[in-house]
Amino acid sequence: MAQRALPEQSAPVDGKALLAKARLPTRSDKRWGIELAPLTRLQAWKLPEIKPGAALAVLGFTFTAEKGDAILRAEYVFLDSKIYALRSSPV
């Protein structure tokens, strides 16, 4: 995953470091909630509707020590062959 080219965004984000440190959650929940960015940011990135069967991956953060609900705050969405950075707006 660390070799993926990431899009530029307006906030200073070390995306390469995030990709290099990525690991799977240790908890065994079968269902996770994914918290995306505000709609205005999703529209700025032109994130299309995610349809059933789409090739989708998400890189994000859980609660500290994975406590609480099984929720992931998305930093990057990999949809089909495109990457969307959700921390800030596109450059």
N, C-alpha and C. Protein backbone atom coordinates (compact mmCIF):
# COMPACT_ATOMS: atom_id res chain seq x y z
N MET A 1 0.83 -1.19 0.00
CA MET A 1 0.00 0.00 0.00
C MET A 1 0.87 1.25 0.00
N ALA A 2 2.04 1.22 0.60
CA ALA A 2 2.89 2.40 0.75
C ALA A 2 3.36 2.97 -0.57
N GLN A 3 3.27 2.23 -1.66
CA GLN A 3 3.74 2.71 -2.96
C GLN A 3 2.67 3.50 -3.73
N ARG A 4 1.46 3.58 -3.22
CA ARG A 4 0.40 4.28 -3.95
C ARG A 4 0.69 5.78 -4.05
N ALA A 5 0.38 6.34 -5.20
CA ALA A 5 0.51 7.80 -5.39
C ALA A 5 -0.74 8.46 -4.83
N LEU A 6 -0.56 9.41 -3.95
CA LEU A 6 -1.69 10.06 -3.30
C LEU A 6 -1.93 11.45 -3.87
N PRO A 7 -3.19 11.88 -3.95
CA PRO A 7 -3.49 13.21 -4.47
C PRO A 7 -3.10 14.29 -3.47
N GLU A 8 -2.75 15.46 -3.97
CA GLU A 8 -2.43 16.59 -3.10
C GLU A 8 -3.70 17.15 -2.50
N GLN A 9 -3.57 17.66 -1.28
CA GLN A 9 -4.71 18.29 -0.62
C GLN A 9 -4.24 19.55 0.10
N SER A 10 -5.18 20.40 0.49
CA SER A 10 -4.81 21.70 1.04
C SER A 10 -4.17 21.63 2.42
N ALA A 11 -4.46 20.61 3.21
CA ALA A 11 -3.83 20.47 4.54
C ALA A 11 -2.51 19.71 4.39
N PRO A 12 -1.53 20.05 5.22
CA PRO A 12 -0.27 19.31 5.16
C PRO A 12 -0.45 17.93 5.79
N VAL A 13 -0.46 16.89 4.96
CA VAL A 13 -0.66 15.51 5.40
C VAL A 13 0.49 14.67 4.86
N ASP A 14 1.13 13.90 5.72
CA ASP A 14 2.19 12.99 5.27
C ASP A 14 1.53 11.66 4.93
N GLY A 15 0.92 11.64 3.76
CA GLY A 15 0.19 10.46 3.31
C GLY A 15 1.07 9.23 3.19
N LYS A 16 2.29 9.40 2.73
CA LYS A 16 3.21 8.26 2.61
C LYS A 16 3.47 7.62 3.97
N ALA A 17 3.64 8.44 5.00
CA ALA A 17 3.86 7.90 6.35
C ALA A 17 2.62 7.17 6.84
N LEU A 18 1.43 7.73 6.56
CA LEU A 18 0.19 7.05 6.96
C LEU A 18 0.08 5.69 6.28
N LEU A 19 0.38 5.64 4.99
CA LEU A 19 0.31 4.38 4.27
C LEU A 19 1.32 3.37 4.82
N ALA A 20 2.51 3.84 5.15
CA ALA A 20 3.55 2.95 5.66
C ALA A 20 3.20 2.37 7.03
N LYS A 21 2.46 3.14 7.85
CA LYS A 21 2.10 2.69 9.19
C LYS A 21 0.77 1.93 9.24
N ALA A 22 0.08 1.85 8.13
CA ALA A 22 -1.26 1.23 8.11
C ALA A 22 -1.20 -0.23 8.55
N ARG A 23 -2.20 -0.61 9.33
CA ARG A 23 -2.33 -2.00 9.75
C ARG A 23 -3.81 -2.30 9.94
N LEU A 24 -4.15 -3.56 9.91
CA LEU A 24 -5.53 -3.97 10.10
C LEU A 24 -5.92 -3.82 11.57
N PRO A 25 -7.18 -3.54 11.84
CA PRO A 25 -7.63 -3.47 13.23
C PRO A 25 -7.46 -4.84 13.90
N THR A 26 -7.28 -4.84 15.21
CA THR A 26 -7.14 -6.10 15.93
C THR A 26 -8.47 -6.61 16.45
N ARG A 27 -9.46 -5.78 16.53
CA ARG A 27 -10.76 -6.23 17.03
C ARG A 27 -11.49 -7.05 15.97
N SER A 28 -12.43 -7.84 16.38
CA SER A 28 -13.04 -8.81 15.47
C SER A 28 -14.47 -8.47 15.04
N ASP A 29 -14.85 -7.22 15.11
CA ASP A 29 -16.20 -6.82 14.70
C ASP A 29 -16.45 -7.22 13.25
N LYS A 30 -17.64 -7.71 12.96
CA LYS A 30 -17.99 -8.09 11.60
C LYS A 30 -18.52 -6.89 10.79
N ARG A 31 -18.97 -5.86 11.48
CA ARG A 31 -19.53 -4.69 10.82
C ARG A 31 -18.89 -3.43 11.40
N TRP A 32 -18.43 -2.56 10.50
CA TRP A 32 -17.82 -1.30 10.90
C TRP A 32 -18.60 -0.15 10.28
N GLY A 33 -18.71 0.94 11.02
CA GLY A 33 -19.22 2.18 10.46
C GLY A 33 -18.04 2.97 9.92
N ILE A 34 -18.24 3.62 8.77
CA ILE A 34 -17.19 4.44 8.18
C ILE A 34 -17.66 5.88 8.16
N GLU A 35 -16.92 6.75 8.83
CA GLU A 35 -17.24 8.17 8.89
C GLU A 35 -16.47 8.88 7.78
N LEU A 36 -17.20 9.41 6.82
CA LEU A 36 -16.58 10.14 5.71
C LEU A 36 -16.46 11.62 6.05
N ALA A 37 -15.93 12.38 5.14
CA ALA A 37 -15.80 13.83 5.30
C ALA A 37 -17.16 14.51 5.11
N PRO A 38 -17.26 15.80 5.43
CA PRO A 38 -18.51 16.53 5.17
C PRO A 38 -18.85 16.50 3.67
N LEU A 39 -20.13 16.62 3.37
CA LEU A 39 -20.58 16.54 1.97
C LEU A 39 -19.88 17.55 1.06
N THR A 40 -19.61 18.75 1.57
CA THR A 40 -18.95 19.75 0.72
C THR A 40 -17.56 19.28 0.28
N ARG A 41 -16.85 18.58 1.18
CA ARG A 41 -15.53 18.07 0.83
C ARG A 41 -15.63 16.89 -0.12
N LEU A 42 -16.61 16.02 0.10
CA LEU A 42 -16.82 14.89 -0.82
C LEU A 42 -17.14 15.40 -2.22
N GLN A 43 -17.93 16.46 -2.29
CA GLN A 43 -18.25 17.06 -3.59
C GLN A 43 -17.03 17.71 -4.21
N ALA A 44 -16.19 18.36 -3.42
CA ALA A 44 -14.98 18.99 -3.95
C ALA A 44 -14.05 17.94 -4.57
N TRP A 45 -13.98 16.77 -3.95
CA TRP A 45 -13.16 15.68 -4.49
C TRP A 45 -13.86 14.92 -5.61
N LYS A 46 -15.15 15.22 -5.81
CA LYS A 46 -15.97 14.54 -6.82
C LYS A 46 -16.06 13.03 -6.56
N LEU A 47 -16.19 12.69 -5.27
CA LEU A 47 -16.36 11.29 -4.90
C LEU A 47 -17.72 10.82 -5.40
N PRO A 48 -17.76 9.83 -6.29
CA PRO A 48 -19.04 9.37 -6.81
C PRO A 48 -19.78 8.51 -5.78
N GLU A 49 -21.03 8.24 -6.04
CA GLU A 49 -21.80 7.35 -5.19
C GLU A 49 -21.11 5.98 -5.19
N ILE A 50 -20.99 5.41 -4.02
CA ILE A 50 -20.37 4.08 -3.90
C ILE A 50 -21.47 3.05 -4.09
N LYS A 51 -21.36 2.31 -5.17
CA LYS A 51 -22.41 1.35 -5.54
C LYS A 51 -22.02 -0.06 -5.14
N PRO A 52 -23.00 -0.91 -4.89
CA PRO A 52 -22.69 -2.30 -4.54
C PRO A 52 -21.80 -2.95 -5.60
N GLY A 53 -20.81 -3.69 -5.14
CA GLY A 53 -19.90 -4.38 -6.05
C GLY A 53 -18.68 -3.56 -6.46
N ALA A 54 -18.62 -2.28 -6.05
CA ALA A 54 -17.47 -1.44 -6.40
C ALA A 54 -16.24 -1.93 -5.65
N ALA A 55 -15.07 -1.78 -6.28
CA ALA A 55 -13.81 -2.11 -5.61
C ALA A 55 -13.51 -0.96 -4.65
N LEU A 56 -13.57 -1.21 -3.36
CA LEU A 56 -13.47 -0.16 -2.35
C LEU A 56 -12.50 -0.58 -1.24
N ALA A 57 -11.64 0.36 -0.85
CA ALA A 57 -10.79 0.19 0.33
C ALA A 57 -10.76 1.53 1.04
N VAL A 58 -10.58 1.51 2.34
CA VAL A 58 -10.56 2.73 3.14
C VAL A 58 -9.38 2.66 4.11
N LEU A 59 -8.65 3.77 4.20
CA LEU A 59 -7.59 3.91 5.20
C LEU A 59 -8.04 5.00 6.15
N GLY A 60 -8.03 4.69 7.44
CA GLY A 60 -8.49 5.69 8.39
C GLY A 60 -8.07 5.36 9.80
N PHE A 61 -8.73 6.00 10.75
CA PHE A 61 -8.39 5.89 12.16
C PHE A 61 -9.58 5.39 12.96
N THR A 62 -9.30 4.58 13.98
CA THR A 62 -10.32 4.15 14.93
C THR A 62 -10.12 4.97 16.20
N PHE A 63 -10.92 4.67 17.20
CA PHE A 63 -10.74 5.30 18.51
C PHE A 63 -9.42 4.83 19.12
N THR A 64 -8.87 5.58 20.02
CA THR A 64 -7.63 5.22 20.71
C THR A 64 -7.78 3.83 21.32
N ALA A 65 -6.79 2.98 21.08
CA ALA A 65 -6.77 1.60 21.58
C ALA A 65 -7.97 0.80 21.07
N GLU A 66 -8.60 1.27 20.01
CA GLU A 66 -9.76 0.62 19.39
C GLU A 66 -10.91 0.42 20.37
N LYS A 67 -11.01 1.32 21.36
CA LYS A 67 -12.12 1.25 22.31
C LYS A 67 -13.34 1.93 21.71
N GLY A 68 -14.51 1.62 22.25
CA GLY A 68 -15.74 2.23 21.77
C GLY A 68 -16.32 1.47 20.59
N ASP A 69 -17.19 2.13 19.85
CA ASP A 69 -17.85 1.51 18.71
C ASP A 69 -16.86 1.23 17.59
N ALA A 70 -17.22 0.29 16.73
CA ALA A 70 -16.39 -0.05 15.57
C ALA A 70 -16.62 0.99 14.48
N ILE A 71 -15.96 2.12 14.61
CA ILE A 71 -16.10 3.23 13.66
C ILE A 71 -14.71 3.60 13.15
N LEU A 72 -14.63 3.81 11.86
CA LEU A 72 -13.38 4.20 11.22
C LEU A 72 -13.56 5.58 10.60
N ARG A 73 -12.70 6.53 10.95
CA ARG A 73 -12.74 7.86 10.33
C ARG A 73 -11.85 7.80 9.10
N ALA A 74 -12.45 7.93 7.93
CA ALA A 74 -11.73 7.75 6.67
C ALA A 74 -10.79 8.92 6.38
N GLU A 75 -9.55 8.60 6.08
CA GLU A 75 -8.55 9.57 5.62
C GLU A 75 -8.44 9.48 4.10
N TYR A 76 -8.43 8.27 3.59
CA TYR A 76 -8.35 8.04 2.14
C TYR A 76 -9.38 6.99 1.76
N VAL A 77 -10.04 7.23 0.64
CA VAL A 77 -10.95 6.25 0.05
C VAL A 77 -10.36 5.85 -1.29
N PHE A 78 -10.21 4.56 -1.48
CA PHE A 78 -9.71 3.99 -2.73
C PHE A 78 -10.92 3.36 -3.40
N LEU A 79 -11.43 3.99 -4.45
CA LEU A 79 -12.64 3.54 -5.11
C LEU A 79 -12.33 3.26 -6.57
N ASP A 80 -12.54 2.01 -6.96
CA ASP A 80 -12.16 1.55 -8.29
C ASP A 80 -10.69 1.90 -8.50
N SER A 81 -10.34 2.74 -9.44
CA SER A 81 -8.92 3.04 -9.68
C SER A 81 -8.53 4.45 -9.20
N LYS A 82 -9.41 5.14 -8.46
CA LYS A 82 -9.11 6.49 -8.00
C LYS A 82 -8.92 6.53 -6.49
N ILE A 83 -8.17 7.56 -6.04
CA ILE A 83 -7.92 7.77 -4.62
C ILE A 83 -8.46 9.14 -4.23
N TYR A 84 -9.20 9.19 -3.14
CA TYR A 84 -9.78 10.44 -2.65
C TYR A 84 -9.23 10.69 -1.25
N ALA A 85 -8.62 11.86 -1.05
CA ALA A 85 -8.07 12.25 0.25
C ALA A 85 -9.13 13.09 0.96
N LEU A 86 -9.52 12.68 2.16
CA LEU A 86 -10.67 13.31 2.80
C LEU A 86 -10.36 14.25 3.94
N ARG A 87 -9.09 14.45 4.30
CA ARG A 87 -8.78 15.33 5.43
C ARG A 87 -9.04 16.79 5.08
N SER A 88 -8.76 17.17 3.85
CA SER A 88 -8.97 18.56 3.44
C SER A 88 -9.36 18.60 1.96
N SER A 89 -9.50 19.78 1.44
CA SER A 89 -9.94 19.95 0.05
C SER A 89 -8.79 19.69 -0.94
N PRO A 90 -9.14 19.40 -2.19
CA PRO A 90 -8.09 19.22 -3.19
C PRO A 90 -7.34 20.51 -3.47
N VAL A 91 -6.11 20.38 -3.93
CA VAL A 91 -5.29 21.54 -4.29
C VAL A 91 -5.64 21.94 -5.71
